C-alpha atoms as a PDB file:
ATOM      1  CA  MET A   1     -28.085  -1.864  10.052  1.00  0.00           C
ATOM      2  CA  THR A   2     -27.988   2.196   9.356  1.00  0.00           C
ATOM      3  CA  PRO A   3     -26.459   2.591   5.214  1.00  0.00           C
ATOM      4  CA  GLU A   4     -23.552   4.390   5.567  1.00  0.00           C
ATOM      5  CA  ARG A   5     -24.094   8.405   3.877  1.00  0.00           C
ATOM      6  CA  PHE A   6     -21.560  10.662   2.779  1.00  0.00           C
ATOM      7  CA  ASP A   7     -21.786  14.266   1.962  1.00  0.00           C
ATOM      8  CA  ILE A   8     -22.655  15.071  -2.040  1.00  0.00           C
ATOM      9  CA  TYR A   9     -21.530  18.259  -4.037  1.00  0.00           C
ATOM     10  CA  ASP A  10     -22.746  19.954  -7.075  1.00  0.00           C
ATOM     11  CA  ASN A  11     -20.220  20.560  -9.730  1.00  0.00           C
ATOM     12  CA  GLN A  12     -18.656  23.706  -8.364  1.00  0.00           C
ATOM     13  CA  GLN A  13     -18.048  21.331  -5.397  1.00  0.00           C
ATOM     14  CA  LYS A  14     -20.584  23.278  -3.572  1.00  0.00           C
ATOM     15  CA  TRP A  15     -22.462  20.925  -0.669  1.00  0.00           C
ATOM     16  CA  ILE A  16     -25.593  20.377  -1.535  1.00  0.00           C
ATOM     17  CA  GLY A  17     -26.767  17.733   1.076  1.00  0.00           C
ATOM     18  CA  THR A  18     -26.008  14.037   2.475  1.00  0.00           C
ATOM     19  CA  ALA A  19     -27.102  10.783   0.452  1.00  0.00           C
ATOM     20  CA  PRO A  20     -27.023   6.925   0.755  1.00  0.00           C
ATOM     21  CA  ARG A  21     -23.956   5.354  -0.717  1.00  0.00           C
ATOM     22  CA  ASN A  22     -26.156   3.103  -3.480  1.00  0.00           C
ATOM     23  CA  GLU A  23     -27.708   6.465  -4.264  1.00  0.00           C
ATOM     24  CA  VAL A  24     -24.488   8.323  -4.606  1.00  0.00           C
ATOM     25  CA  HIS A  25     -23.269   5.564  -7.000  1.00  0.00           C
ATOM     26  CA  ALA A  26     -26.612   5.561  -8.575  1.00  0.00           C
ATOM     27  CA  LYS A  27     -27.461   9.257  -9.258  1.00  0.00           C
ATOM     28  CA  GLY A  28     -23.620  10.102  -9.683  1.00  0.00           C
ATOM     29  CA  TYR A  29     -23.401  12.412  -6.979  1.00  0.00           C
ATOM     30  CA  TRP A  30     -19.790  14.016  -6.176  1.00  0.00           C
ATOM     31  CA  HIS A  31     -18.452  13.185  -3.257  1.00  0.00           C
ATOM     32  CA  ARG A  32     -15.117  13.094  -1.140  1.00  0.00           C
ATOM     33  CA  SER A  33     -12.511  10.459  -1.073  1.00  0.00           C
ATOM     34  CA  PHE A  34      -9.171   9.505   0.677  1.00  0.00           C
ATOM     35  CA  HIS A  35      -5.981   8.007  -1.707  1.00  0.00           C
ATOM     36  CA  CYS A  36      -3.251   6.692   0.297  1.00  0.00           C
ATOM     37  CA  TRP A  37      -0.506   4.882  -1.583  1.00  0.00           C
ATOM     38  CA  ILE A  38       2.258   3.261  -0.009  1.00  0.00           C
ATOM     39  CA  VAL A  39       6.116   2.728  -0.789  1.00  0.00           C
ATOM     40  CA  ARG A  40       8.920   1.398   0.513  1.00  0.00           C
ATOM     41  CA  ASP A  41      12.991   1.298  -0.612  1.00  0.00           C
ATOM     42  CA  GLU A  42      14.792  -2.131  -1.244  1.00  0.00           C
ATOM     43  CA  GLY A  43      18.493  -0.821  -2.281  1.00  0.00           C
ATOM     44  CA  ASP A  44      18.153   2.222  -4.449  1.00  0.00           C
ATOM     45  CA  GLN A  45      15.211   0.822  -5.645  1.00  0.00           C
ATOM     46  CA  ARG A  46      11.291   2.086  -5.238  1.00  0.00           C
ATOM     47  CA  MET A  47       8.707  -0.135  -4.805  1.00  0.00           C
ATOM     48  CA  ILE A  48       5.045   0.623  -4.847  1.00  0.00           C
ATOM     49  CA  LEU A  49       2.183  -1.088  -2.881  1.00  0.00           C
ATOM     50  CA  PHE A  50      -0.911  -1.491  -4.718  1.00  0.00           C
ATOM     51  CA  GLN A  51      -4.264  -4.098  -3.646  1.00  0.00           C
ATOM     52  CA  ARG A  52      -6.630  -6.443  -5.340  1.00  0.00           C
ATOM     53  CA  ARG A  53      -9.845  -5.189  -4.604  1.00  0.00           C
ATOM     54  CA  ARG A  54     -12.515  -8.588  -3.400  1.00  0.00           C
ATOM     55  CA  ASP A  55     -14.594  -9.942  -6.326  1.00  0.00           C
ATOM     56  CA  ILE A  56     -17.481  -8.890  -3.842  1.00  0.00           C
ATOM     57  CA  LYS A  57     -16.876  -5.137  -4.411  1.00  0.00           C
ATOM     58  CA  ASP A  58     -19.859  -2.743  -5.974  1.00  0.00           C
ATOM     59  CA  THR A  59     -17.318  -0.990  -7.798  1.00  0.00           C
ATOM     60  CA  PHE A  60     -14.846  -2.745  -9.808  1.00  0.00           C
ATOM     61  CA  PRO A  61     -14.332  -6.169  -8.383  1.00  0.00           C
ATOM     62  CA  GLY A  62     -11.090  -7.776  -8.827  1.00  0.00           C
ATOM     63  CA  TYR A  63      -9.199  -5.014  -9.810  1.00  0.00           C
ATOM     64  CA  TYR A  64      -5.839  -3.572  -8.488  1.00  0.00           C
ATOM     65  CA  ASP A  65      -6.363  -0.307  -6.800  1.00  0.00           C
ATOM     66  CA  ILE A  66      -4.938   2.622  -4.809  1.00  0.00           C
ATOM     67  CA  THR A  67      -2.822   0.713  -1.418  1.00  0.00           C
ATOM     68  CA  ALA A  68      -5.509   1.769   0.850  1.00  0.00           C
ATOM     69  CA  ALA A  69      -8.799   4.463   0.124  1.00  0.00           C
ATOM     70  CA  GLY A  70     -11.839   5.125   1.054  1.00  0.00           C
ATOM     71  CA  HIS A  71     -14.805   7.616   0.766  1.00  0.00           C
ATOM     72  CA  LEU A  72     -15.403  10.139   3.238  1.00  0.00           C
ATOM     73  CA  THR A  73     -18.515   9.742   5.025  1.00  0.00           C
ATOM     74  CA  ALA A  74     -20.947  12.622   6.287  1.00  0.00           C
ATOM     75  CA  GLY A  75     -19.599  15.094   8.250  1.00  0.00           C
ATOM     76  CA  GLU A  76     -16.054  13.202   8.121  1.00  0.00           C
ATOM     77  CA  GLN A  77     -12.509  15.062   7.559  1.00  0.00           C
ATOM     78  CA  LEU A  78      -9.409  13.762   5.824  1.00  0.00           C
ATOM     79  CA  GLN A  79      -7.920  13.216   8.988  1.00  0.00           C
ATOM     80  CA  ASP A  80     -10.688  11.022   9.928  1.00  0.00           C
ATOM     81  CA  ALA A  81     -10.602   9.740   6.539  1.00  0.00           C
ATOM     82  CA  SER A  82      -6.586   8.203   7.440  1.00  0.00           C
ATOM     83  CA  ARG A  83      -8.769   5.541   9.218  1.00  0.00           C
ATOM     84  CA  GLU A  84      -8.655   3.512   6.121  1.00  0.00           C
ATOM     85  CA  LEU A  85      -5.394   2.859   6.799  1.00  0.00           C
ATOM     86  CA  GLU A  86      -5.893   0.877   9.724  1.00  0.00           C
ATOM     87  CA  GLU A  87      -9.020  -0.241   8.528  1.00  0.00           C
ATOM     88  CA  GLU A  88      -7.605  -2.416   5.097  1.00  0.00           C
ATOM     89  CA  LEU A  89      -3.723  -2.923   6.215  1.00  0.00           C
ATOM     90  CA  GLY A  90      -3.459  -2.710   9.980  1.00  0.00           C
ATOM     91  CA  VAL A  91      -1.396   0.455   9.254  1.00  0.00           C
ATOM     92  CA  HIS A  92      -1.514   2.651  12.556  1.00  0.00           C
ATOM     93  CA  THR A  93       0.472   6.120  11.424  1.00  0.00           C
ATOM     94  CA  SER A  94      -0.652   9.525  12.198  1.00  0.00           C
ATOM     95  CA  PHE A  95      -1.895  11.717   9.415  1.00  0.00           C
ATOM     96  CA  GLU A  96       0.582  14.166  10.071  1.00  0.00           C
ATOM     97  CA  ALA A  97       3.094  11.420   8.778  1.00  0.00           C
ATOM     98  CA  LEU A  98       1.379  11.544   5.323  1.00  0.00           C
ATOM     99  CA  THR A  99       2.678  13.501   2.399  1.00  0.00           C
ATOM    100  CA  TYR A 100      -0.140  14.988   0.300  1.00  0.00           C
ATOM    101  CA  LEU A 101       0.346  14.666  -3.421  1.00  0.00           C
ATOM    102  CA  PHE A 102      -2.675  16.467  -4.647  1.00  0.00           C
ATOM    103  CA  THR A 103      -6.477  16.388  -5.211  1.00  0.00           C
ATOM    104  CA  ALA A 104      -8.028  14.435  -8.216  1.00  0.00           C
ATOM    105  CA  GLU A 105     -11.364  15.099 -10.118  1.00  0.00           C
ATOM    106  CA  GLN A 106     -12.500  11.409 -11.532  1.00  0.00           C
ATOM    107  CA  GLN A 107     -15.564   9.882 -12.942  1.00  0.00           C
ATOM    108  CA  LEU A 108     -15.649   6.578 -13.032  1.00  0.00           C
ATOM    109  CA  GLN A 109     -18.595   4.479 -14.348  1.00  0.00           C
ATOM    110  CA  GLY A 110     -19.662   1.137 -15.289  1.00  0.00           C
ATOM    111  CA  GLU A 111     -21.876  -2.026 -14.177  1.00  0.00           C
ATOM    112  CA  VAL A 112     -21.605  -4.674 -11.745  1.00  0.00           C
ATOM    113  CA  ARG A 113     -23.748  -7.964 -11.818  1.00  0.00           C
ATOM    114  CA  GLY A 114     -26.367  -6.223 -13.809  1.00  0.00           C
ATOM    115  CA  VAL A 115     -26.180  -2.595 -11.771  1.00  0.00           C
ATOM    116  CA  PRO A 116     -24.921   0.635 -13.576  1.00  0.00           C
ATOM    117  CA  PHE A 117     -23.048   3.199 -11.519  1.00  0.00           C
ATOM    118  CA  LEU A 118     -21.387   6.206 -12.028  1.00  0.00           C
ATOM    119  CA  ASP A 119     -18.579   7.186  -9.282  1.00  0.00           C
ATOM    120  CA  ARG A 120     -17.699  11.074  -9.425  1.00  0.00           C
ATOM    121  CA  GLU A 121     -15.340  11.465  -6.515  1.00  0.00           C
ATOM    122  CA  ILE A 122     -13.139  14.903  -5.296  1.00  0.00           C
ATOM    123  CA  SER A 123      -9.889  12.898  -4.241  1.00  0.00           C
ATOM    124  CA  ALA A 124      -7.118  13.660  -1.904  1.00  0.00           C
ATOM    125  CA  VAL A 125      -4.219  11.803  -2.279  1.00  0.00           C
ATOM    126  CA  TYR A 126      -1.439  11.112   0.232  1.00  0.00           C
ATOM    127  CA  GLY A 127       1.958   8.941  -0.148  1.00  0.00           C
ATOM    128  CA  LEU A 128       3.454   7.028   2.929  1.00  0.00           C
ATOM    129  CA  CYS A 129       6.779   5.448   2.805  1.00  0.00           C
ATOM    130  CA  LEU A 130       6.968   2.262   5.029  1.00  0.00           C
ATOM    131  CA  ASN A 131      10.040   0.143   5.056  1.00  0.00           C
ATOM    132  CA  GLN A 132       8.636  -3.568   5.728  1.00  0.00           C
ATOM    133  CA  PRO A 133       7.625  -6.916   4.357  1.00  0.00           C
ATOM    134  CA  LEU A 134       4.044  -7.621   2.369  1.00  0.00           C
ATOM    135  CA  GLU A 135       3.756 -10.388   5.133  1.00  0.00           C
ATOM    136  CA  SER A 136       3.781  -7.137   7.745  1.00  0.00           C
ATOM    137  CA  TYR A 137      -0.053  -5.714   7.010  1.00  0.00           C
ATOM    138  CA  ARG A 138      -3.062  -7.325   7.939  1.00  0.00           C
ATOM    139  CA  LEU A 139      -5.658  -7.351   5.233  1.00  0.00           C
ATOM    140  CA  GLN A 140      -9.332  -6.599   5.663  1.00  0.00           C
ATOM    141  CA  ALA A 141     -10.861  -9.558   4.789  1.00  0.00           C
ATOM    142  CA  SER A 142     -14.107  -7.891   3.685  1.00  0.00           C
ATOM    143  CA  GLU A 143     -12.102  -5.326   1.152  1.00  0.00           C
ATOM    144  CA  VAL A 144      -9.187  -6.691   0.442  1.00  0.00           C
ATOM    145  CA  ASP A 145      -8.504  -9.995  -1.526  1.00  0.00           C
ATOM    146  CA  SER A 146      -4.199  -9.315  -1.791  1.00  0.00           C
ATOM    147  CA  LEU A 147      -1.639  -7.050  -1.630  1.00  0.00           C
ATOM    148  CA  TYR A 148       1.137  -6.264  -4.459  1.00  0.00           C
ATOM    149  CA  GLU A 149       4.262  -4.418  -4.921  1.00  0.00           C
ATOM    150  CA  ALA A 150       6.256  -3.500  -8.342  1.00  0.00           C
ATOM    151  CA  PRO A 151       9.009  -1.231  -8.960  1.00  0.00           C
ATOM    152  CA  LEU A 152       8.027   2.118  -9.425  1.00  0.00           C
ATOM    153  CA  ASP A 153      10.061   2.980 -12.631  1.00  0.00           C
ATOM    154  CA  GLU A 154       8.277  -0.076 -14.298  1.00  0.00           C
ATOM    155  CA  LEU A 155       4.661   0.637 -13.396  1.00  0.00           C
ATOM    156  CA  ILE A 156       5.716   4.068 -15.119  1.00  0.00           C
ATOM    157  CA  ALA A 157       6.466   2.494 -18.042  1.00  0.00           C
ATOM    158  CA  LEU A 158       3.588   0.438 -18.081  1.00  0.00           C
ATOM    159  CA  PHE A 159       1.313   3.328 -17.971  1.00  0.00           C
ATOM    160  CA  GLU A 160       3.156   4.852 -20.184  1.00  0.00           C
ATOM    161  CA  GLN A 161       2.920   1.813 -22.786  1.00  0.00           C
ATOM    162  CA  GLN A 162       6.739   1.530 -22.758  1.00  0.00           C
ATOM    163  CA  THR A 163       5.895  -1.786 -22.093  1.00  0.00           C
ATOM    164  CA  ASN A 164       2.636  -4.093 -21.944  1.00  0.00           C
ATOM    165  CA  VAL A 165       3.330  -6.245 -18.936  1.00  0.00           C
ATOM    166  CA  ILE A 166       4.921  -6.237 -15.891  1.00  0.00           C
ATOM    167  CA  GLN A 167       5.745  -8.784 -13.246  1.00  0.00           C
ATOM    168  CA  ALA A 168       4.726  -7.909  -9.214  1.00  0.00           C
ATOM    169  CA  SER A 169       4.921 -10.190  -6.140  1.00  0.00           C
ATOM    170  CA  GLY A 170       2.428 -10.048  -3.362  1.00  0.00           C
ATOM    171  CA  VAL A 171       0.690 -12.014  -0.566  1.00  0.00           C
ATOM    172  CA  ARG A 172      -2.631 -13.149   0.344  1.00  0.00           C
ATOM    173  CA  PRO A 173      -4.345 -15.160   3.374  1.00  0.00           C
ATOM    174  CA  HIS A 174      -3.528 -18.650   3.165  1.00  0.00           C
ATOM    175  CA  SER A 175      -7.591 -19.212   3.152  1.00  0.00           C
ATOM    176  CA  SER A 176      -7.994 -16.646   0.039  1.00  0.00           C
ATOM    177  CA  VAL A 177      -8.125 -18.310  -3.366  1.00  0.00           C
ATOM    178  CA  SER A 178      -9.759 -16.129  -6.098  1.00  0.00           C
ATOM    179  CA  MET A 179      -7.897 -14.988  -9.061  1.00  0.00           C
ATOM    180  CA  PRO A 180      -8.590 -12.862 -11.821  1.00  0.00           C
ATOM    181  CA  GLU A 181      -9.933 -15.201 -14.734  1.00  0.00           C
ATOM    182  CA  GLY A 182      -6.806 -16.048 -17.025  1.00  0.00           C
ATOM    183  CA  ALA A 183      -4.543 -14.142 -14.894  1.00  0.00           C
ATOM    184  CA  ALA A 184      -0.796 -15.874 -15.262  1.00  0.00           C
ATOM    185  CA  SER A 185       0.716 -16.229 -11.568  1.00  0.00           C
ATOM    186  CA  SER A 186       2.616 -18.504  -9.148  1.00  0.00           C
ATOM    187  CA  VAL A 187       1.837 -19.599  -5.616  1.00  0.00           C
ATOM    188  CA  THR A 188       4.053 -20.458  -2.483  1.00  0.00           C
ATOM    189  CA  THR A 189       2.748 -21.093   0.493  1.00  0.00           C
ATOM    190  CA  SER A 190       4.733 -19.294   3.812  1.00  0.00           C
ATOM    191  CA  ALA A 191       4.836 -18.646   7.339  1.00  0.00           C
ATOM    192  CA  GLY A 192       3.360 -15.343   7.825  1.00  0.00           C
ATOM    193  CA  ILE A 193       5.644 -12.685   9.928  1.00  0.00           C
ATOM    194  CA  SER A 194       5.001 -10.992  12.840  1.00  0.00           C
ATOM    195  CA  SER A 195       5.267  -6.974  12.871  1.00  0.00           C
ATOM    196  CA  ASP A 196       6.545  -4.826  15.416  1.00  0.00           C
ATOM    197  CA  LEU A 197       5.823  -1.392  13.794  1.00  0.00           C
ATOM    198  CA  GLY A 198       2.343  -0.854  14.839  1.00  0.00           C
ATOM    199  CA  HIS A 199       0.797  -3.587  13.295  1.00  0.00           C
ATOM    200  CA  SER A 200      -1.410  -6.480  14.460  1.00  0.00           C
ATOM    201  CA  LYS A 201       0.212  -9.981  13.616  1.00  0.00           C
ATOM    202  CA  GLN A 202      -0.560 -11.311  10.176  1.00  0.00           C
ATOM    203  CA  PRO A 203      -2.060 -14.734   9.856  1.00  0.00           C
ATOM    204  CA  ALA A 204       0.445 -17.458  10.532  1.00  0.00           C
ATOM    205  CA  ARG A 205       0.722 -18.369   7.120  1.00  0.00           C
ATOM    206  CA  THR A 206       0.390 -16.186   3.716  1.00  0.00           C
ATOM    207  CA  ASP A 207       0.292 -17.112   0.199  1.00  0.00           C
ATOM    208  CA  ARG A 208       3.395 -15.318  -1.805  1.00  0.00           C
ATOM    209  CA  ILE A 209       2.156 -14.875  -5.214  1.00  0.00           C
ATOM    210  CA  LEU A 210       3.924 -13.761  -8.494  1.00  0.00           C
ATOM    211  CA  ARG A 211       1.817 -12.485 -11.481  1.00  0.00           C
ATOM    212  CA  GLU A 212       1.625 -10.290 -14.911  1.00  0.00           C
ATOM    213  CA  VAL A 213       0.188  -7.375 -14.499  1.00  0.00           C
ATOM    214  CA  ARG A 214      -1.287  -5.015 -17.048  1.00  0.00           C
ATOM    215  CA  THR A 215      -2.842  -1.608 -17.177  1.00  0.00           C
ATOM    216  CA  ALA A 216      -5.993  -3.296 -17.761  1.00  0.00           C
ATOM    217  CA  ASP A 217      -6.149  -4.822 -14.401  1.00  0.00           C
ATOM    218  CA  PHE A 218      -6.111  -1.644 -12.832  1.00  0.00           C
ATOM    219  CA  VAL A 219      -9.016   0.755 -11.544  1.00  0.00           C
ATOM    220  CA  PRO A 220      -9.431   2.595 -14.510  1.00  0.00           C
ATOM    221  CA  HIS A 221      -8.582   6.106 -12.671  1.00  0.00           C
ATOM    222  CA  GLY A 222      -7.013   7.396 -15.850  1.00  0.00           C
ATOM    223  CA  THR A 223      -3.461   6.969 -17.499  1.00  0.00           C
ATOM    224  CA  GLU A 224      -2.553  10.675 -16.172  1.00  0.00           C
ATOM    225  CA  TYR A 225      -3.886   9.948 -12.377  1.00  0.00           C
ATOM    226  CA  TYR A 226      -1.130   6.777 -12.335  1.00  0.00           C
ATOM    227  CA  ILE A 227       1.298   8.664 -13.846  1.00  0.00           C
ATOM    228  CA  ASP A 228       1.196  11.492 -11.898  1.00  0.00           C
ATOM    229  CA  VAL A 229       0.849   9.272  -8.696  1.00  0.00           C
ATOM    230  CA  PHE A 230       3.579   7.532  -9.797  1.00  0.00           C
ATOM    231  CA  GLU A 231       5.975  10.755 -10.112  1.00  0.00           C
ATOM    232  CA  ALA A 232       5.003  12.261  -7.408  1.00  0.00           C
ATOM    233  CA  LEU A 233       6.010   9.338  -5.017  1.00  0.00           C
ATOM    234  CA  LYS A 234       9.592   9.802  -6.081  1.00  0.00           C
ATOM    235  CA  ARG A 235       9.480  12.666  -3.499  1.00  0.00           C
ATOM    236  CA  VAL A 236       8.107  11.083  -0.404  1.00  0.00           C
ATOM    237  CA  LYS A 237      10.446  10.319   2.401  1.00  0.00           C
ATOM    238  CA  GLN A 238       9.880   7.661   4.786  1.00  0.00           C
ATOM    239  CA  ALA A 239       7.864   8.233   8.002  1.00  0.00           C
END
């Protein structure tokens, strides 16, 4: 299988070539990515959706993260990268339906299974409002462990350190049993809900999860990034 390759850039964002994914993260080359945060409205309350990354991911396994996101492969444009919504969540929507929020430059580093990485990304951040239940999403088994939601105002309070913990409600395929070590949660099993909103059907049974969430459980994009995203998501209108 041919390794995934990314366009890479210097510190002035000038294109300098392409490199395989593992080399990009090992050497810290700048590269481009696509972020999309999904929200839904419940009465006068806006909910923000976020995913839990699979434990097998090569960066930040098991952390909470953007609803759907991905790297731009070599030669790919942002309009093409919106495929991440379909791949990770089963969402079929046009790129024009997304609301541009801002562009972020981030440098994230860490170590996974003894292998250090430096992830330097230029990320185009978008929002999308879809008023449908969590059970209507089709999660990509290789990427997404589970999908959660929490009130926008509570997430802002969490990242502004007005509170140390909030509760998030989520779903995961019934066969998935992974949980963060020490996480406080409760689980109930229910029948999946089929969606006629451009989604493939969710598995017949899903687990509903209620979990305590802290800022340390999220990929460390930075407090400023999260607060800027949450504030910008207030202006996203329904697609």
